[in-house]
């Protein structure tokens, strides 16, 4: 799929995820944090920034397509960030079918 395809797919999900979280999606600009496109693993992570608002993170991980693995990955990331005294406020909304948050 490549970076641009992953980015387009993630950004297409952004309005729905933002609405689910009670965030107005307008005026947020994406910034690439990381991406991977391999035969067995595909993901992209974007920082969504808007003036006067705390930045949000948008993650799309369509491969491997295992919702339990995706949820476990998010939980492990949050635990690691808490252990370091860092992190985001949490995953507001998840879309297991879309493997995004």
N, C-alpha and C. Protein backbone atom coordinates (compact mmCIF):
# COMPACT_ATOMS: atom_id res chain seq x y z
N UNK A 1 0.83 -1.20 0.00
CA UNK A 1 0.00 0.00 0.00
C UNK A 1 0.87 1.25 0.00
N UNK A 2 1.99 1.26 0.69
CA UNK A 2 2.87 2.42 0.73
C UNK A 2 2.41 3.47 1.71
N UNK A 3 3.32 4.38 2.00
CA UNK A 3 3.02 5.42 3.00
C UNK A 3 1.83 6.27 2.59
N UNK A 4 1.81 6.72 1.36
CA UNK A 4 0.73 7.63 0.97
C UNK A 4 -0.63 6.94 1.01
N UNK A 5 -0.67 5.66 0.65
CA UNK A 5 -1.93 4.92 0.74
C UNK A 5 -2.39 4.74 2.17
N UNK A 6 -1.45 4.41 3.06
CA UNK A 6 -1.78 4.28 4.48
C UNK A 6 -2.24 5.62 5.05
N UNK A 7 -1.54 6.68 4.66
CA UNK A 7 -1.89 8.01 5.17
C UNK A 7 -3.28 8.43 4.69
N UNK A 8 -3.57 8.20 3.42
CA UNK A 8 -4.91 8.52 2.90
C UNK A 8 -5.99 7.74 3.64
N UNK A 9 -5.74 6.46 3.87
CA UNK A 9 -6.72 5.62 4.57
C UNK A 9 -6.93 6.11 6.00
N UNK A 10 -5.83 6.41 6.70
CA UNK A 10 -5.93 6.90 8.08
C UNK A 10 -6.69 8.22 8.12
N UNK A 11 -6.35 9.13 7.22
CA UNK A 11 -7.00 10.44 7.22
C UNK A 11 -8.47 10.34 6.83
N UNK A 12 -8.84 9.34 6.04
CA UNK A 12 -10.25 9.14 5.71
C UNK A 12 -11.03 8.71 6.95
N UNK A 13 -10.37 8.02 7.89
CA UNK A 13 -11.02 7.59 9.13
C UNK A 13 -11.07 8.70 10.18
N UNK A 14 -10.20 9.71 10.04
CA UNK A 14 -10.07 10.76 11.04
C UNK A 14 -11.39 11.44 11.40
N UNK A 15 -12.22 11.90 10.46
CA UNK A 15 -13.46 12.59 10.86
C UNK A 15 -14.36 11.72 11.73
N UNK A 16 -14.48 10.44 11.40
CA UNK A 16 -15.34 9.54 12.18
C UNK A 16 -14.77 9.31 13.58
N UNK A 17 -13.46 9.06 13.68
CA UNK A 17 -12.85 8.84 15.00
C UNK A 17 -12.91 10.12 15.84
N UNK A 18 -12.66 11.26 15.21
CA UNK A 18 -12.73 12.53 15.94
C UNK A 18 -14.14 12.76 16.47
N UNK A 19 -15.14 12.51 15.63
CA UNK A 19 -16.54 12.68 16.07
C UNK A 19 -16.87 11.74 17.22
N UNK A 20 -16.39 10.50 17.15
CA UNK A 20 -16.64 9.54 18.23
C UNK A 20 -16.02 10.01 19.54
N UNK A 21 -14.91 10.76 19.43
CA UNK A 21 -14.22 11.25 20.62
C UNK A 21 -14.72 12.62 21.06
N UNK A 22 -15.66 13.19 20.30
CA UNK A 22 -16.18 14.51 20.66
C UNK A 22 -15.26 15.64 20.27
N UNK A 23 -14.41 15.40 19.28
CA UNK A 23 -13.45 16.40 18.81
C UNK A 23 -13.88 16.88 17.43
N UNK A 24 -13.85 18.18 17.20
CA UNK A 24 -14.13 18.71 15.88
C UNK A 24 -12.91 18.46 15.00
N UNK A 25 -13.05 17.72 13.91
CA UNK A 25 -11.87 17.33 13.12
C UNK A 25 -11.26 18.46 12.30
N UNK A 26 -11.97 19.56 12.13
CA UNK A 26 -11.47 20.66 11.30
C UNK A 26 -10.20 21.26 11.90
N UNK A 27 -9.36 21.77 11.05
CA UNK A 27 -8.16 22.52 11.41
C UNK A 27 -7.05 21.66 12.00
N UNK A 28 -7.20 20.35 12.05
CA UNK A 28 -6.11 19.47 12.49
C UNK A 28 -5.24 19.14 11.29
N UNK A 29 -3.95 19.26 11.47
CA UNK A 29 -2.99 18.95 10.41
C UNK A 29 -2.19 17.72 10.82
N UNK A 30 -2.00 16.77 9.89
CA UNK A 30 -1.24 15.57 10.23
C UNK A 30 0.27 15.78 10.10
N UNK A 31 0.99 15.09 10.97
CA UNK A 31 2.46 15.04 10.88
C UNK A 31 2.85 13.58 11.09
N UNK A 32 3.62 13.05 10.17
CA UNK A 32 4.02 11.65 10.25
C UNK A 32 4.93 11.42 11.45
N UNK A 33 4.57 10.45 12.29
CA UNK A 33 5.43 10.04 13.39
C UNK A 33 6.21 8.79 13.01
N UNK A 34 5.52 7.80 12.45
CA UNK A 34 6.18 6.57 12.04
C UNK A 34 5.28 5.80 11.09
N UNK A 35 5.88 4.95 10.28
CA UNK A 35 5.10 4.08 9.41
C UNK A 35 5.91 2.85 9.08
N UNK A 36 5.21 1.78 8.77
CA UNK A 36 5.84 0.52 8.40
C UNK A 36 4.96 -0.14 7.35
N UNK A 37 5.59 -0.63 6.30
CA UNK A 37 4.86 -1.32 5.24
C UNK A 37 5.66 -2.55 4.84
N UNK A 38 5.36 -3.67 5.50
CA UNK A 38 6.03 -4.94 5.27
C UNK A 38 4.98 -5.98 4.91
N UNK A 39 5.40 -7.13 4.39
CA UNK A 39 4.41 -8.15 4.00
C UNK A 39 3.49 -8.60 5.14
N UNK A 40 3.99 -8.63 6.38
CA UNK A 40 3.16 -9.12 7.49
C UNK A 40 2.79 -8.04 8.50
N UNK A 41 3.26 -6.83 8.30
CA UNK A 41 2.99 -5.76 9.26
C UNK A 41 2.88 -4.43 8.51
N UNK A 42 1.77 -3.75 8.76
CA UNK A 42 1.54 -2.47 8.10
C UNK A 42 0.89 -1.54 9.11
N UNK A 43 1.46 -0.34 9.27
CA UNK A 43 0.87 0.63 10.19
C UNK A 43 1.38 2.02 9.85
N UNK A 44 0.63 3.01 10.30
CA UNK A 44 1.06 4.40 10.22
C UNK A 44 0.56 5.09 11.48
N UNK A 45 1.38 6.00 12.00
CA UNK A 45 1.02 6.77 13.19
C UNK A 45 1.24 8.24 12.84
N UNK A 46 0.19 9.03 13.00
CA UNK A 46 0.22 10.46 12.68
C UNK A 46 -0.10 11.27 13.93
N UNK A 47 0.60 12.37 14.09
CA UNK A 47 0.22 13.35 15.11
C UNK A 47 -0.73 14.32 14.44
N UNK A 48 -1.87 14.54 15.07
CA UNK A 48 -2.86 15.48 14.55
C UNK A 48 -2.81 16.72 15.43
N UNK A 49 -2.41 17.85 14.85
CA UNK A 49 -2.23 19.08 15.62
C UNK A 49 -3.19 20.16 15.12
N UNK A 50 -3.71 20.92 16.08
CA UNK A 50 -4.60 22.04 15.79
C UNK A 50 -4.24 23.18 16.73
N UNK A 51 -4.18 24.41 16.23
CA UNK A 51 -3.81 25.54 17.09
C UNK A 51 -4.70 25.62 18.33
N UNK A 52 -4.07 25.76 19.48
CA UNK A 52 -4.79 25.91 20.74
C UNK A 52 -5.33 24.62 21.32
N UNK A 53 -5.06 23.50 20.68
CA UNK A 53 -5.54 22.20 21.16
C UNK A 53 -4.36 21.28 21.44
N UNK A 54 -4.49 20.37 22.40
CA UNK A 54 -3.41 19.41 22.59
C UNK A 54 -3.33 18.48 21.38
N UNK A 55 -2.12 18.08 21.00
CA UNK A 55 -2.01 17.19 19.84
C UNK A 55 -2.63 15.82 20.14
N UNK A 56 -3.15 15.22 19.10
CA UNK A 56 -3.74 13.88 19.18
C UNK A 56 -2.94 12.94 18.30
N UNK A 57 -3.05 11.66 18.56
CA UNK A 57 -2.35 10.67 17.75
C UNK A 57 -3.38 9.81 17.04
N UNK A 58 -3.17 9.62 15.75
CA UNK A 58 -4.02 8.78 14.92
C UNK A 58 -3.19 7.60 14.45
N UNK A 59 -3.62 6.40 14.78
CA UNK A 59 -2.89 5.19 14.41
C UNK A 59 -3.79 4.28 13.59
N UNK A 60 -3.25 3.80 12.48
CA UNK A 60 -3.93 2.82 11.65
C UNK A 60 -2.98 1.64 11.49
N UNK A 61 -3.46 0.44 11.82
CA UNK A 61 -2.63 -0.77 11.72
C UNK A 61 -3.45 -1.89 11.08
N UNK A 62 -3.58 -1.88 9.75
CA UNK A 62 -4.41 -2.89 9.10
C UNK A 62 -3.80 -4.29 9.03
N UNK A 63 -2.50 -4.42 9.21
CA UNK A 63 -1.85 -5.74 9.24
C UNK A 63 -0.94 -5.84 10.44
N UNK A 64 -0.93 -6.92 11.18
CA UNK A 64 -1.80 -8.07 11.01
C UNK A 64 -3.24 -7.71 11.40
N UNK A 65 -4.18 -8.31 10.75
CA UNK A 65 -5.59 -7.95 10.98
C UNK A 65 -6.19 -8.79 12.11
N UNK A 66 -5.69 -8.55 13.30
CA UNK A 66 -6.13 -9.27 14.50
C UNK A 66 -6.51 -8.24 15.56
N UNK A 67 -7.81 -8.00 15.80
CA UNK A 67 -8.22 -6.99 16.77
C UNK A 67 -7.64 -7.21 18.16
N UNK A 68 -7.50 -8.45 18.60
CA UNK A 68 -6.93 -8.71 19.93
C UNK A 68 -5.47 -8.30 19.98
N UNK A 69 -4.73 -8.57 18.92
CA UNK A 69 -3.32 -8.17 18.85
C UNK A 69 -3.20 -6.64 18.84
N UNK A 70 -4.10 -5.97 18.11
CA UNK A 70 -4.10 -4.51 18.06
C UNK A 70 -4.38 -3.93 19.45
N UNK A 71 -5.37 -4.45 20.14
CA UNK A 71 -5.70 -3.97 21.49
C UNK A 71 -4.55 -4.23 22.45
N UNK A 72 -3.92 -5.39 22.34
CA UNK A 72 -2.77 -5.70 23.19
C UNK A 72 -1.60 -4.78 22.93
N UNK A 73 -1.39 -4.44 21.68
CA UNK A 73 -0.31 -3.52 21.31
C UNK A 73 -0.55 -2.14 21.92
N UNK A 74 -1.79 -1.66 21.84
CA UNK A 74 -2.11 -0.35 22.43
C UNK A 74 -1.92 -0.37 23.94
N UNK A 75 -2.35 -1.44 24.59
CA UNK A 75 -2.20 -1.55 26.05
C UNK A 75 -0.73 -1.58 26.44
N UNK A 76 0.08 -2.31 25.70
CA UNK A 76 1.52 -2.38 26.00
C UNK A 76 2.19 -1.02 25.80
N UNK A 77 1.80 -0.30 24.77
CA UNK A 77 2.37 1.03 24.54
C UNK A 77 2.00 1.98 25.67
N UNK A 78 0.75 1.95 26.10
CA UNK A 78 0.32 2.81 27.20
C UNK A 78 1.05 2.47 28.49
N UNK A 79 1.23 1.18 28.77
CA UNK A 79 1.94 0.76 29.98
C UNK A 79 3.39 1.22 29.95
N UNK A 80 4.04 1.11 28.81
CA UNK A 80 5.43 1.55 28.69
C UNK A 80 5.54 3.06 28.88
N UNK A 81 4.62 3.81 28.30
CA UNK A 81 4.66 5.26 28.45
C UNK A 81 4.40 5.67 29.90
N UNK A 82 3.47 5.00 30.57
CA UNK A 82 3.22 5.30 31.99
C UNK A 82 4.46 5.01 32.83
N UNK A 83 5.13 3.91 32.53
CA UNK A 83 6.34 3.53 33.28
C UNK A 83 7.43 4.57 33.12
N UNK A 84 7.45 5.25 31.97
CA UNK A 84 8.45 6.29 31.72
C UNK A 84 7.97 7.66 32.20
N UNK A 85 6.76 7.73 32.71
CA UNK A 85 6.21 9.00 33.16
C UNK A 85 5.80 9.89 32.00
N UNK A 86 5.50 9.29 30.87
CA UNK A 86 5.12 10.05 29.68
C UNK A 86 3.84 9.46 29.13
N UNK A 87 3.49 9.90 27.96
CA UNK A 87 2.36 9.29 27.27
C UNK A 87 1.25 10.26 26.96
N UNK A 88 0.28 9.72 26.29
CA UNK A 88 -0.89 10.53 25.96
C UNK A 88 -1.99 10.21 26.96
N UNK A 89 -3.07 10.93 26.86
CA UNK A 89 -4.16 10.78 27.84
C UNK A 89 -4.91 9.47 27.70
N UNK A 90 -4.63 8.75 26.69
CA UNK A 90 -5.30 7.47 26.49
C UNK A 90 -5.91 7.39 25.11
N UNK A 91 -6.39 6.23 24.80
CA UNK A 91 -7.02 6.01 23.51
C UNK A 91 -8.50 6.34 23.68
N UNK A 92 -8.93 7.45 23.10
CA UNK A 92 -10.31 7.89 23.27
C UNK A 92 -11.29 6.95 22.60
N UNK A 93 -11.02 6.65 21.36
CA UNK A 93 -11.95 5.81 20.61
C UNK A 93 -11.15 4.84 19.76
N UNK A 94 -11.63 3.63 19.71
CA UNK A 94 -10.99 2.61 18.89
C UNK A 94 -11.99 2.13 17.86
N UNK A 95 -11.47 1.79 16.73
CA UNK A 95 -12.29 1.18 15.70
C UNK A 95 -11.66 -0.17 15.37
N UNK A 96 -12.03 -1.23 16.12
CA UNK A 96 -11.39 -2.52 15.91
C UNK A 96 -11.51 -3.03 14.48
N UNK A 97 -12.64 -2.80 13.84
CA UNK A 97 -12.77 -3.24 12.46
C UNK A 97 -11.77 -2.52 11.56
N UNK A 98 -11.57 -1.23 11.80
CA UNK A 98 -10.64 -0.46 10.99
C UNK A 98 -9.22 -0.53 11.54
N UNK A 99 -9.05 -1.16 12.71
CA UNK A 99 -7.74 -1.27 13.37
C UNK A 99 -7.12 0.12 13.51
N UNK A 100 -7.88 1.03 14.06
CA UNK A 100 -7.42 2.41 14.20
C UNK A 100 -7.87 2.97 15.53
N UNK A 101 -7.17 4.01 15.95
CA UNK A 101 -7.56 4.72 17.16
C UNK A 101 -7.03 6.13 17.08
